[in-house]
Amino acid sequence: MFDVEGTVSIVTGALGGIGRELVRSLLSNKAKGVALLDLNDAQAAEFQASLEKEFGANKTLFLKVDVTDLENVKGAFKKCVDHFGNLDIVVNNAGIIGNIEMVIKINLLALIQISNLAFFDYLPKYRKGNEGVIINIGSVGGLYPFHILPDYCASKHGVVAYTQALGSNVHYQNTQVKVMGLCPGGTDTEIFKGVPEYYQQFMKDTDHAIQQTEIVGDALIKVLKEGSNGSIWISKNSEPAFEFDYKSETLPILLKHVS
């Protein structure tokens, strides 16, 4: 079982709704520190102040980073290690809905580049324990071909496939880095509020109740503690996260009343 206590994490998209809860969950489980990577720095100081009040001083490091700029990302990884001394967990959470080119660049290409940097370079060298961990935040839209937001769906399918491929034993035996995916269902964030009304109605017409971000934060810790290499987990309907099994799961488990 992976122990979060004393670890250092990088979380991308750390100032978004889900990102904030991922950070809080790590600190709640006695993480040594979390580097907050985000391009939007408008609320960084306020968020860090709230975390310091809740968890104590010197637990976070904010780094303004464009995840599509690999050199920018490399600099952030170095700053994180220089600041905290180690790096054990990387959570790829940055994601958008909107412009097709940016959806692919941020949701998929940047995630792959950041994961490769973590997997082949930083986590093998700088982790404090026997294992490093990468958690890629996908979506239930990455498990089945949702007809809503097809470009977003395609990017998240790529995240799931990449996670499973990198999370194979042949890779693990060379690095001792686990790679797992966490796929939230409809979650109450700004990104969800920005999608078309018909998408929101679609969610209401299926079995996807809109959950609070805290549910995904709890799911992260469960995946870290219980997840096996290459596994994909689902967090939906405010329920405890569960592992997705391609051999037994069927489309109606995620969707119903959709033609």
Protein backbone atom coordinates (compact mmCIF):
# COMPACT_ATOMS: atom_id res chain seq x y z
CA MET A 1 0.00 0.00 0.00
CA PHE A 2 1.42 3.38 -1.02
CA ASP A 3 1.71 5.82 1.88
CA VAL A 4 1.17 9.53 1.14
CA GLU A 5 2.75 10.67 4.40
CA GLY A 6 6.05 12.48 3.84
CA THR A 7 5.73 12.53 0.06
CA VAL A 8 6.04 15.44 -2.35
CA SER A 9 3.62 15.87 -5.23
CA ILE A 10 3.21 17.96 -8.34
CA VAL A 11 -0.38 18.73 -9.30
CA THR A 12 -1.12 20.42 -12.62
CA GLY A 13 -4.25 22.53 -12.95
CA ALA A 14 -3.94 22.94 -9.19
CA LEU A 15 -6.08 26.07 -8.90
CA GLY A 16 -9.13 24.62 -10.62
CA GLY A 17 -12.06 23.13 -8.75
CA ILE A 18 -10.85 19.53 -8.82
CA GLY A 19 -7.20 20.55 -8.57
CA ARG A 20 -7.76 22.35 -5.27
CA GLU A 21 -9.36 19.26 -3.74
CA LEU A 22 -6.57 17.02 -4.99
CA VAL A 23 -4.09 19.30 -3.24
CA ARG A 24 -6.14 19.38 -0.03
CA SER A 25 -6.47 15.60 0.00
CA LEU A 26 -2.73 15.12 -0.33
CA LEU A 27 -2.02 17.56 2.48
CA SER A 28 -4.78 16.05 4.63
CA ASN A 29 -2.92 12.76 4.35
CA LYS A 30 0.29 14.30 5.70
CA ALA A 31 2.10 14.98 2.46
CA LYS A 32 5.36 16.83 3.02
CA GLY A 33 4.63 19.28 0.23
CA VAL A 34 2.74 19.94 -2.98
CA ALA A 35 3.87 21.99 -5.95
CA LEU A 36 0.90 23.79 -7.47
CA LEU A 37 1.28 24.17 -11.24
CA ASP A 38 -1.22 26.42 -12.98
CA LEU A 39 -1.21 29.11 -15.64
CA ASN A 40 -3.81 31.20 -13.83
CA ASP A 41 -2.14 32.86 -10.87
CA ALA A 42 -4.97 35.22 -9.91
CA GLN A 43 -5.96 33.27 -6.78
CA ALA A 44 -2.69 31.50 -6.05
CA ALA A 45 -1.72 33.59 -3.02
CA GLU A 46 -5.19 33.36 -1.50
CA PHE A 47 -5.30 29.58 -1.98
CA GLN A 48 -1.84 29.11 -0.51
CA ALA A 49 -2.78 31.26 2.50
CA SER A 50 -5.84 29.09 3.13
CA LEU A 51 -3.72 25.94 2.91
CA GLU A 52 -1.13 27.38 5.30
CA LYS A 53 -3.87 28.17 7.81
CA GLU A 54 -5.29 24.65 7.50
CA PHE A 55 -2.13 22.54 7.22
CA GLY A 56 0.78 24.70 8.39
CA ALA A 57 3.53 26.71 6.76
CA ASN A 58 5.84 25.72 3.90
CA LYS A 59 3.61 22.97 2.55
CA THR A 60 3.08 24.37 -0.94
CA LEU A 61 5.01 25.94 -3.79
CA PHE A 62 3.11 27.78 -6.53
CA LEU A 63 4.68 27.76 -9.98
CA LYS A 64 3.07 29.58 -12.88
CA VAL A 65 3.31 27.06 -15.70
CA ASP A 66 1.90 26.59 -19.17
CA VAL A 67 1.67 22.81 -19.41
CA THR A 68 1.94 22.96 -23.20
CA ASP A 69 5.43 24.49 -22.87
CA LEU A 70 7.68 21.52 -22.08
CA GLU A 71 10.70 23.66 -21.19
CA ASN A 72 8.50 25.60 -18.75
CA VAL A 73 7.39 22.30 -17.23
CA LYS A 74 10.97 21.02 -16.93
CA GLY A 75 11.91 24.17 -15.06
CA ALA A 76 9.00 23.67 -12.67
CA PHE A 77 10.01 20.07 -11.93
CA LYS A 78 13.52 21.23 -11.09
CA LYS A 79 12.23 24.01 -8.84
CA CYS A 80 9.99 21.54 -7.03
CA VAL A 81 12.87 19.17 -6.29
CA ASP A 82 15.19 22.02 -5.34
CA HIS A 83 12.55 23.36 -2.94
CA PHE A 84 11.28 20.16 -1.28
CA GLY A 85 14.19 17.77 -1.85
CA ASN A 86 12.20 14.90 -3.35
CA LEU A 87 9.34 14.12 -5.73
CA ASP A 88 7.11 11.06 -5.37
CA ILE A 89 3.74 11.75 -7.02
CA VAL A 90 2.71 13.57 -10.19
CA VAL A 91 -0.97 14.25 -10.79
CA ASN A 92 -1.85 15.34 -14.32
CA ASN A 93 -5.06 17.25 -13.74
CA ALA A 94 -4.91 20.20 -16.17
CA GLY A 95 -7.71 20.02 -18.73
CA ILE A 96 -10.09 22.14 -20.74
CA ILE A 97 -13.22 22.06 -22.87
CA GLY A 98 -13.38 24.39 -25.85
CA ASN A 99 -10.95 25.06 -28.69
CA ILE A 100 -10.22 21.72 -30.35
CA GLU A 101 -6.49 22.32 -30.84
CA MET A 102 -6.01 23.37 -27.21
CA VAL A 103 -8.12 20.46 -25.96
CA ILE A 104 -5.71 18.02 -27.60
CA LYS A 105 -2.61 19.99 -26.59
CA ILE A 106 -3.57 20.36 -22.93
CA ASN A 107 -5.66 17.27 -22.23
CA LEU A 108 -3.50 14.75 -24.09
CA LEU A 109 -0.18 15.96 -25.51
CA ALA A 110 0.90 17.88 -22.40
CA LEU A 111 -0.20 15.01 -20.17
CA ILE A 112 1.93 12.57 -22.17
CA GLN A 113 4.96 14.84 -22.13
CA ILE A 114 4.68 15.52 -18.40
CA SER A 115 4.15 11.84 -17.63
CA ASN A 116 7.21 10.86 -19.67
CA LEU A 117 9.30 13.46 -17.85
CA ALA A 118 8.10 12.15 -14.50
CA PHE A 119 8.29 8.46 -15.41
CA PHE A 120 11.67 8.25 -17.09
CA ASP A 121 13.55 11.02 -15.30
CA TYR A 122 12.31 12.60 -12.09
CA LEU A 123 10.42 9.92 -10.16
CA PRO A 124 13.12 7.22 -10.51
CA LYS A 125 15.77 9.69 -9.32
CA TYR A 126 14.04 11.77 -6.68
CA ARG A 127 11.38 9.66 -4.96
CA LYS A 128 11.94 8.99 -1.27
CA GLY A 129 10.43 5.50 -1.17
CA ASN A 130 10.46 2.35 -3.25
CA GLU A 131 7.84 3.57 -5.69
CA GLY A 132 6.84 6.70 -7.54
CA VAL A 133 3.29 7.27 -8.77
CA ILE A 134 1.69 9.09 -11.68
CA ILE A 135 -2.06 9.70 -11.57
CA ASN A 136 -3.65 10.85 -14.82
CA ILE A 137 -7.05 12.50 -14.45
CA GLY A 138 -9.26 11.30 -17.27
CA SER A 139 -13.03 11.28 -17.50
CA VAL A 140 -15.88 8.82 -17.83
CA GLY A 141 -15.98 10.37 -21.31
CA GLY A 142 -12.69 8.57 -21.91
CA LEU A 143 -14.18 5.13 -21.31
CA TYR A 144 -17.01 5.11 -23.84
CA PRO A 145 -17.76 7.18 -26.96
CA PHE A 146 -19.98 9.91 -25.54
CA HIS A 147 -21.65 11.72 -28.42
CA ILE A 148 -21.43 15.01 -26.53
CA LEU A 149 -18.14 16.94 -26.88
CA PRO A 150 -16.45 14.42 -29.20
CA ASP A 151 -13.07 16.17 -29.25
CA TYR A 152 -12.92 16.21 -25.45
CA CYS A 153 -14.02 12.58 -25.48
CA ALA A 154 -11.22 11.71 -27.92
CA SER A 155 -8.60 13.42 -25.77
CA LYS A 156 -9.71 11.53 -22.67
CA HIS A 157 -9.80 8.20 -24.53
CA GLY A 158 -6.17 8.93 -25.36
CA VAL A 159 -5.43 9.57 -21.68
CA VAL A 160 -6.91 6.22 -20.68
CA ALA A 161 -5.09 4.28 -23.41
CA TYR A 162 -1.78 5.98 -22.71
CA THR A 163 -2.14 5.36 -18.97
CA GLN A 164 -2.80 1.66 -19.46
CA ALA A 165 0.08 1.30 -21.93
CA LEU A 166 2.65 3.12 -19.79
CA GLY A 167 1.27 1.35 -16.72
CA SER A 168 2.43 -2.06 -17.92
CA ASN A 169 4.74 -4.32 -15.97
CA VAL A 170 7.41 -4.19 -18.65
CA HIS A 171 7.77 -0.46 -17.97
CA TYR A 172 7.35 -0.73 -14.21
CA GLN A 173 10.19 -3.19 -13.77
CA ASN A 174 12.60 -0.62 -15.19
CA THR A 175 11.49 2.37 -13.11
CA GLN A 176 9.32 1.20 -10.18
CA VAL A 177 6.85 3.94 -11.09
CA LYS A 178 3.15 3.11 -11.08
CA VAL A 179 0.82 4.82 -13.56
CA MET A 180 -2.93 4.91 -12.91
CA GLY A 181 -5.96 6.79 -14.15
CA LEU A 182 -8.84 8.42 -12.30
CA CYS A 183 -11.95 9.18 -14.35
CA PRO A 184 -14.50 11.51 -12.72
CA GLY A 185 -18.10 11.70 -13.80
CA GLY A 186 -19.97 15.01 -13.86
CA THR A 187 -18.39 17.23 -11.20
CA ASP A 188 -19.42 20.71 -10.10
CA THR A 189 -16.56 22.83 -11.47
CA GLU A 190 -16.18 25.89 -13.66
CA ILE A 191 -15.26 23.71 -16.63
CA PHE A 192 -18.61 21.93 -16.31
CA LYS A 193 -20.53 25.17 -16.02
CA GLY A 194 -18.93 26.37 -19.25
CA VAL A 195 -20.19 23.54 -21.43
CA PRO A 196 -23.32 23.86 -23.61
CA GLU A 197 -26.70 23.60 -21.92
CA TYR A 198 -27.58 20.48 -23.90
CA TYR A 199 -24.57 18.71 -22.36
CA GLN A 200 -25.75 19.61 -18.87
CA GLN A 201 -29.21 18.32 -19.75
CA PHE A 202 -27.61 15.14 -21.07
CA MET A 203 -25.96 14.58 -17.70
CA LYS A 204 -29.29 15.09 -15.96
CA ASP A 205 -30.97 12.57 -18.26
CA THR A 206 -28.46 9.81 -17.48
CA ASP A 207 -27.47 8.20 -14.21
CA HIS A 208 -24.79 10.85 -13.64
CA ALA A 209 -25.65 13.00 -10.66
CA ILE A 210 -23.39 16.04 -10.44
CA GLN A 211 -20.98 15.46 -7.58
CA GLN A 212 -18.88 17.83 -5.51
CA THR A 213 -15.15 18.15 -6.06
CA GLU A 214 -14.37 16.71 -2.63
CA ILE A 215 -15.48 13.31 -3.93
CA VAL A 216 -12.67 13.32 -6.50
CA GLY A 217 -10.17 14.39 -3.83
CA ASP A 218 -11.16 11.39 -1.72
CA ALA A 219 -10.94 9.16 -4.79
CA LEU A 220 -7.34 10.24 -5.40
CA ILE A 221 -6.24 8.95 -2.01
CA LYS A 222 -8.08 5.66 -2.52
CA VAL A 223 -6.36 5.13 -5.88
CA LEU A 224 -2.95 5.99 -4.41
CA LYS A 225 -3.43 3.53 -1.55
CA GLU A 226 -5.21 0.69 -3.34
CA GLY A 227 -4.56 1.05 -7.06
CA SER A 228 -2.45 -1.39 -9.06
CA ASN A 229 -0.19 -0.38 -11.90
CA GLY A 230 -2.12 0.46 -15.08
CA SER A 231 -5.51 0.45 -13.36
CA ILE A 232 -8.30 2.88 -14.27
CA TRP A 233 -10.69 4.11 -11.59
CA ILE A 234 -14.10 5.78 -11.78
CA SER A 235 -15.39 8.47 -9.43
CA LYS A 236 -19.04 9.29 -10.10
CA ASN A 237 -22.39 9.97 -8.46
CA SER A 238 -20.74 10.90 -5.14
CA GLU A 239 -19.87 7.24 -4.61
CA PRO A 240 -16.54 5.79 -3.46
CA ALA A 241 -14.16 5.31 -6.36
CA PHE A 242 -14.12 1.87 -7.95
CA GLU A 243 -11.82 0.19 -10.43
CA PHE A 244 -13.03 -0.05 -14.01
CA ASP A 245 -12.98 -3.62 -15.33
CA TYR A 246 -13.13 -3.85 -19.12
CA LYS A 247 -13.95 -7.55 -18.91
CA SER A 248 -17.15 -7.10 -16.94
CA GLU A 249 -18.23 -3.46 -17.21
CA THR A 250 -20.76 -2.69 -19.91
CA LEU A 251 -22.06 0.53 -21.40
CA PRO A 252 -25.26 0.61 -19.30
CA ILE A 253 -23.19 0.83 -16.11
CA LEU A 254 -22.07 4.31 -17.14
CA LEU A 255 -25.00 5.37 -19.29
CA LYS A 256 -28.71 4.71 -19.45
CA HIS A 257 -31.61 6.12 -21.42
CA VAL A 258 -29.23 7.35 -24.11
CA SER A 259 -29.94 6.46 -27.72
